[in-house]
Amino acid sequence: MGAALFAEYEDVLGRAELFEACRLNLAERDELLDIFLATCIWTRIYFAWRPNLPDEADNHLVELAVAGGARYVVTRNLRDVARMELRFPELRVMSPEDFLKEITA
């Protein structure tokens, strides 16, 4: 977990219009985020790999993954994140569905 990703999670979970059909209220979503964060390892980013992604706002995801030694970036934004200019052979970008298939196979 890094500062930019944490801020993004907080922002998205606070958008009431995204959760109108959700069974969880704001307090429950905040608690779920706290539980998730308790399992995360805070990672500092020491190198900015730029330019890299078409959408500058997504670069922090790849930088965090590289800094943390991640094997996967799991996202629905495959269109932008999978089009890295810089290649990291050990890092794979995939959808949540494909990730679940991979880890359960």
N, C-alpha and C. Protein backbone atom coordinates (compact mmCIF):
# COMPACT_ATOMS: atom_id res chain seq x y z
N MET A 1 0.85 -1.17 0.00
CA MET A 1 0.00 0.00 0.00
C MET A 1 0.89 1.23 0.00
N GLY A 2 0.47 2.23 -0.71
CA GLY A 2 1.19 3.49 -0.77
C GLY A 2 0.24 4.66 -0.57
N ALA A 3 0.81 5.82 -0.41
CA ALA A 3 0.01 7.01 -0.10
C ALA A 3 -1.01 7.33 -1.18
N ALA A 4 -0.61 7.28 -2.44
CA ALA A 4 -1.53 7.63 -3.53
C ALA A 4 -2.66 6.61 -3.64
N LEU A 5 -2.34 5.33 -3.50
CA LEU A 5 -3.38 4.30 -3.59
C LEU A 5 -4.34 4.38 -2.40
N PHE A 6 -3.81 4.63 -1.23
CA PHE A 6 -4.64 4.81 -0.04
C PHE A 6 -5.62 5.97 -0.24
N ALA A 7 -5.13 7.09 -0.74
CA ALA A 7 -6.00 8.26 -0.97
C ALA A 7 -7.07 7.93 -2.01
N GLU A 8 -6.70 7.15 -3.03
CA GLU A 8 -7.67 6.77 -4.06
C GLU A 8 -8.76 5.87 -3.48
N TYR A 9 -8.39 4.90 -2.65
CA TYR A 9 -9.38 4.03 -2.01
C TYR A 9 -10.33 4.84 -1.13
N GLU A 10 -9.77 5.74 -0.33
CA GLU A 10 -10.62 6.57 0.53
C GLU A 10 -11.60 7.41 -0.28
N ASP A 11 -11.11 7.98 -1.36
CA ASP A 11 -11.94 8.82 -2.22
C ASP A 11 -13.09 8.02 -2.83
N VAL A 12 -12.77 6.89 -3.40
CA VAL A 12 -13.79 6.08 -4.07
C VAL A 12 -14.82 5.57 -3.07
N LEU A 13 -14.38 5.08 -1.92
CA LEU A 13 -15.32 4.56 -0.93
C LEU A 13 -16.21 5.65 -0.34
N GLY A 14 -15.81 6.90 -0.44
CA GLY A 14 -16.61 8.00 0.07
C GLY A 14 -17.63 8.54 -0.92
N ARG A 15 -17.65 8.04 -2.14
CA ARG A 15 -18.60 8.52 -3.16
C ARG A 15 -19.94 7.80 -3.03
N ALA A 16 -20.89 8.47 -2.43
CA ALA A 16 -22.20 7.87 -2.14
C ALA A 16 -22.88 7.36 -3.40
N GLU A 17 -22.73 8.07 -4.52
CA GLU A 17 -23.44 7.68 -5.75
C GLU A 17 -22.97 6.32 -6.28
N LEU A 18 -21.75 5.92 -5.95
CA LEU A 18 -21.25 4.61 -6.40
C LEU A 18 -21.83 3.47 -5.59
N PHE A 19 -22.34 3.78 -4.41
CA PHE A 19 -22.77 2.73 -3.49
C PHE A 19 -24.26 2.78 -3.17
N GLU A 20 -25.05 3.38 -4.04
CA GLU A 20 -26.49 3.48 -3.79
C GLU A 20 -27.15 2.12 -3.62
N ALA A 21 -26.71 1.12 -4.38
CA ALA A 21 -27.30 -0.22 -4.31
C ALA A 21 -26.52 -1.15 -3.37
N CYS A 22 -25.54 -0.61 -2.67
CA CYS A 22 -24.68 -1.41 -1.80
C CYS A 22 -25.35 -1.64 -0.44
N ARG A 23 -25.16 -2.81 0.10
CA ARG A 23 -25.73 -3.13 1.42
C ARG A 23 -24.94 -2.48 2.55
N LEU A 24 -23.73 -2.06 2.27
CA LEU A 24 -22.90 -1.47 3.31
C LEU A 24 -23.07 0.04 3.36
N ASN A 25 -23.23 0.58 4.55
CA ASN A 25 -23.28 2.03 4.68
C ASN A 25 -21.85 2.57 4.75
N LEU A 26 -21.71 3.88 4.86
CA LEU A 26 -20.39 4.51 4.84
C LEU A 26 -19.51 3.99 5.98
N ALA A 27 -20.06 3.89 7.17
CA ALA A 27 -19.28 3.41 8.32
C ALA A 27 -18.80 1.98 8.11
N GLU A 28 -19.65 1.15 7.53
CA GLU A 28 -19.26 -0.24 7.26
C GLU A 28 -18.20 -0.32 6.17
N ARG A 29 -18.31 0.55 5.16
CA ARG A 29 -17.28 0.59 4.12
C ARG A 29 -15.94 1.05 4.70
N ASP A 30 -15.98 2.02 5.59
CA ASP A 30 -14.76 2.48 6.26
C ASP A 30 -14.14 1.35 7.09
N GLU A 31 -14.99 0.58 7.77
CA GLU A 31 -14.48 -0.54 8.57
C GLU A 31 -13.87 -1.61 7.67
N LEU A 32 -14.49 -1.87 6.53
CA LEU A 32 -13.94 -2.83 5.57
C LEU A 32 -12.58 -2.37 5.06
N LEU A 33 -12.45 -1.08 4.78
CA LEU A 33 -11.16 -0.54 4.36
C LEU A 33 -10.12 -0.70 5.46
N ASP A 34 -10.49 -0.45 6.70
CA ASP A 34 -9.57 -0.62 7.82
C ASP A 34 -9.10 -2.06 7.93
N ILE A 35 -10.01 -3.01 7.76
CA ILE A 35 -9.65 -4.43 7.82
C ILE A 35 -8.69 -4.78 6.68
N PHE A 36 -8.99 -4.29 5.49
CA PHE A 36 -8.12 -4.52 4.34
C PHE A 36 -6.74 -3.93 4.59
N LEU A 37 -6.68 -2.70 5.08
CA LEU A 37 -5.40 -2.02 5.32
C LEU A 37 -4.57 -2.74 6.38
N ALA A 38 -5.22 -3.42 7.31
CA ALA A 38 -4.50 -4.16 8.35
C ALA A 38 -3.70 -5.31 7.75
N THR A 39 -4.07 -5.75 6.55
CA THR A 39 -3.34 -6.85 5.91
C THR A 39 -2.30 -6.34 4.91
N CYS A 40 -2.28 -5.04 4.66
CA CYS A 40 -1.38 -4.45 3.67
C CYS A 40 -0.02 -4.13 4.29
N ILE A 41 0.98 -4.09 3.44
CA ILE A 41 2.32 -3.68 3.85
C ILE A 41 2.57 -2.30 3.22
N TRP A 42 2.87 -1.32 4.07
CA TRP A 42 3.13 0.03 3.56
C TRP A 42 4.45 0.02 2.80
N THR A 43 4.43 0.51 1.57
CA THR A 43 5.59 0.47 0.70
C THR A 43 5.96 1.87 0.24
N ARG A 44 7.23 2.20 0.38
CA ARG A 44 7.71 3.50 -0.10
C ARG A 44 8.18 3.36 -1.54
N ILE A 45 7.90 4.38 -2.32
CA ILE A 45 8.33 4.41 -3.71
C ILE A 45 9.56 5.31 -3.78
N TYR A 46 10.67 4.75 -4.24
CA TYR A 46 11.92 5.50 -4.32
C TYR A 46 12.24 5.94 -5.74
N PHE A 47 11.63 5.29 -6.74
CA PHE A 47 11.92 5.62 -8.13
C PHE A 47 10.62 5.90 -8.87
N ALA A 48 10.59 6.97 -9.64
CA ALA A 48 9.44 7.28 -10.48
C ALA A 48 9.76 6.81 -11.89
N TRP A 49 9.02 5.84 -12.37
CA TRP A 49 9.25 5.27 -13.70
C TRP A 49 8.37 6.04 -14.68
N ARG A 50 8.87 7.19 -15.17
CA ARG A 50 8.09 8.05 -16.04
C ARG A 50 8.88 8.41 -17.28
N PRO A 51 8.25 8.68 -18.39
CA PRO A 51 6.83 8.42 -18.67
C PRO A 51 6.62 6.92 -18.83
N ASN A 52 5.45 6.46 -18.50
CA ASN A 52 5.19 5.03 -18.58
C ASN A 52 3.79 4.73 -19.10
N LEU A 53 2.78 5.15 -18.38
CA LEU A 53 1.40 4.82 -18.76
C LEU A 53 0.74 5.98 -19.49
N PRO A 54 -0.23 5.67 -20.36
CA PRO A 54 -0.94 6.73 -21.08
C PRO A 54 -1.62 7.72 -20.13
N ASP A 55 -2.14 7.22 -19.01
CA ASP A 55 -2.80 8.08 -18.02
C ASP A 55 -1.83 8.30 -16.87
N GLU A 56 -1.31 9.50 -16.76
CA GLU A 56 -0.32 9.83 -15.73
C GLU A 56 -0.80 9.46 -14.33
N ALA A 57 -2.08 9.58 -14.08
CA ALA A 57 -2.62 9.30 -12.74
C ALA A 57 -2.50 7.83 -12.36
N ASP A 58 -2.24 6.95 -13.32
CA ASP A 58 -2.11 5.52 -13.03
C ASP A 58 -0.67 5.08 -12.78
N ASN A 59 0.30 5.93 -13.05
CA ASN A 59 1.71 5.55 -12.89
C ASN A 59 2.05 5.08 -11.49
N HIS A 60 1.40 5.64 -10.48
CA HIS A 60 1.72 5.25 -9.11
C HIS A 60 1.44 3.77 -8.87
N LEU A 61 0.51 3.17 -9.60
CA LEU A 61 0.21 1.75 -9.41
C LEU A 61 1.39 0.87 -9.81
N VAL A 62 1.98 1.16 -10.96
CA VAL A 62 3.13 0.39 -11.42
C VAL A 62 4.33 0.65 -10.51
N GLU A 63 4.54 1.89 -10.14
CA GLU A 63 5.66 2.23 -9.26
C GLU A 63 5.54 1.52 -7.91
N LEU A 64 4.33 1.47 -7.37
CA LEU A 64 4.09 0.79 -6.11
C LEU A 64 4.31 -0.71 -6.25
N ALA A 65 3.82 -1.28 -7.34
CA ALA A 65 4.00 -2.72 -7.58
C ALA A 65 5.48 -3.08 -7.71
N VAL A 66 6.24 -2.28 -8.45
CA VAL A 66 7.67 -2.54 -8.62
C VAL A 66 8.40 -2.39 -7.29
N ALA A 67 8.11 -1.32 -6.57
CA ALA A 67 8.77 -1.08 -5.28
C ALA A 67 8.46 -2.18 -4.27
N GLY A 68 7.24 -2.72 -4.33
CA GLY A 68 6.84 -3.75 -3.38
C GLY A 68 7.14 -5.16 -3.84
N GLY A 69 7.72 -5.31 -5.02
CA GLY A 69 8.04 -6.64 -5.52
C GLY A 69 6.80 -7.46 -5.87
N ALA A 70 5.74 -6.79 -6.27
CA ALA A 70 4.49 -7.48 -6.60
C ALA A 70 4.64 -8.27 -7.90
N ARG A 71 3.88 -9.34 -7.99
CA ARG A 71 3.85 -10.13 -9.22
C ARG A 71 2.67 -9.74 -10.10
N TYR A 72 1.67 -9.08 -9.51
CA TYR A 72 0.45 -8.74 -10.25
C TYR A 72 0.01 -7.31 -9.94
N VAL A 73 -0.58 -6.68 -10.95
CA VAL A 73 -1.40 -5.50 -10.77
C VAL A 73 -2.79 -5.94 -11.22
N VAL A 74 -3.73 -5.97 -10.29
CA VAL A 74 -5.08 -6.43 -10.58
C VAL A 74 -5.96 -5.19 -10.71
N THR A 75 -6.54 -5.03 -11.89
CA THR A 75 -7.30 -3.82 -12.18
C THR A 75 -8.33 -4.07 -13.27
N ARG A 76 -9.36 -3.25 -13.27
CA ARG A 76 -10.32 -3.27 -14.38
C ARG A 76 -9.86 -2.32 -15.49
N ASN A 77 -8.88 -1.50 -15.20
CA ASN A 77 -8.37 -0.53 -16.16
C ASN A 77 -7.25 -1.15 -17.01
N LEU A 78 -7.53 -2.26 -17.65
CA LEU A 78 -6.52 -2.95 -18.44
C LEU A 78 -6.08 -2.13 -19.64
N ARG A 79 -7.00 -1.37 -20.19
CA ARG A 79 -6.69 -0.58 -21.38
C ARG A 79 -5.48 0.33 -21.17
N ASP A 80 -5.42 0.98 -20.03
CA ASP A 80 -4.30 1.90 -19.77
C ASP A 80 -3.12 1.22 -19.09
N VAL A 81 -3.39 0.46 -18.04
CA VAL A 81 -2.31 -0.08 -17.23
C VAL A 81 -1.51 -1.15 -17.97
N ALA A 82 -2.14 -1.93 -18.81
CA ALA A 82 -1.42 -2.97 -19.55
C ALA A 82 -0.57 -2.41 -20.68
N ARG A 83 -0.71 -1.12 -20.98
CA ARG A 83 0.05 -0.51 -22.07
C ARG A 83 1.28 0.24 -21.56
N MET A 84 2.02 -0.39 -20.67
CA MET A 84 3.23 0.23 -20.12
C MET A 84 4.28 0.40 -21.21
N GLU A 85 4.92 1.55 -21.23
CA GLU A 85 6.06 1.74 -22.13
C GLU A 85 7.27 1.01 -21.58
N LEU A 86 7.46 1.08 -20.27
CA LEU A 86 8.55 0.36 -19.62
C LEU A 86 8.03 -1.03 -19.25
N ARG A 87 8.83 -2.03 -19.52
CA ARG A 87 8.40 -3.41 -19.25
C ARG A 87 9.11 -3.95 -18.01
N PHE A 88 8.33 -4.59 -17.17
CA PHE A 88 8.83 -5.27 -15.99
C PHE A 88 8.41 -6.73 -16.14
N PRO A 89 9.31 -7.60 -16.59
CA PRO A 89 8.94 -8.98 -16.94
C PRO A 89 8.28 -9.76 -15.81
N GLU A 90 8.62 -9.44 -14.57
CA GLU A 90 8.06 -10.18 -13.44
C GLU A 90 6.67 -9.68 -13.03
N LEU A 91 6.20 -8.59 -13.64
CA LEU A 91 4.93 -7.97 -13.26
C LEU A 91 3.88 -8.22 -14.33
N ARG A 92 2.76 -8.80 -13.90
CA ARG A 92 1.66 -9.07 -14.83
C ARG A 92 0.46 -8.21 -14.47
N VAL A 93 -0.21 -7.69 -15.49
CA VAL A 93 -1.41 -6.88 -15.31
C VAL A 93 -2.59 -7.73 -15.75
N MET A 94 -3.60 -7.87 -14.86
CA MET A 94 -4.75 -8.70 -15.22
C MET A 94 -6.01 -8.23 -14.51
N SER A 95 -7.13 -8.69 -15.04
CA SER A 95 -8.43 -8.36 -14.46
C SER A 95 -8.62 -9.16 -13.17
N PRO A 96 -9.54 -8.72 -12.31
CA PRO A 96 -9.82 -9.49 -11.09
C PRO A 96 -10.25 -10.92 -11.40
N GLU A 97 -11.05 -11.10 -12.45
CA GLU A 97 -11.52 -12.44 -12.80
C GLU A 97 -10.36 -13.35 -13.20
N ASP A 98 -9.47 -12.83 -14.04
CA ASP A 98 -8.32 -13.63 -14.47
C ASP A 98 -7.37 -13.92 -13.30
N PHE A 99 -7.24 -12.96 -12.41
CA PHE A 99 -6.39 -13.17 -11.23
C PHE A 99 -6.94 -14.30 -10.37
N LEU A 100 -8.24 -14.29 -10.13
CA LEU A 100 -8.84 -15.35 -9.31
C LEU A 100 -8.70 -16.71 -9.98
N LYS A 101 -8.85 -16.77 -11.30
CA LYS A 101 -8.64 -18.03 -12.01
C LYS A 101 -7.21 -18.50 -11.85
N GLU A 102 -6.27 -17.57 -11.94
CA GLU A 102 -4.84 -17.91 -11.85
C GLU A 102 -4.47 -18.46 -10.47
N ILE A 103 -4.95 -17.82 -9.42
CA ILE A 103 -4.52 -18.25 -8.09
C ILE A 103 -5.28 -19.46 -7.58
N THR A 104 -6.40 -19.79 -8.22
CA THR A 104 -7.15 -20.96 -7.78
C THR A 104 -6.88 -22.18 -8.66
N ALA A 105 -6.11 -21.99 -9.74
CA ALA A 105 -5.83 -23.11 -10.65
C ALA A 105 -4.78 -24.04 -10.08
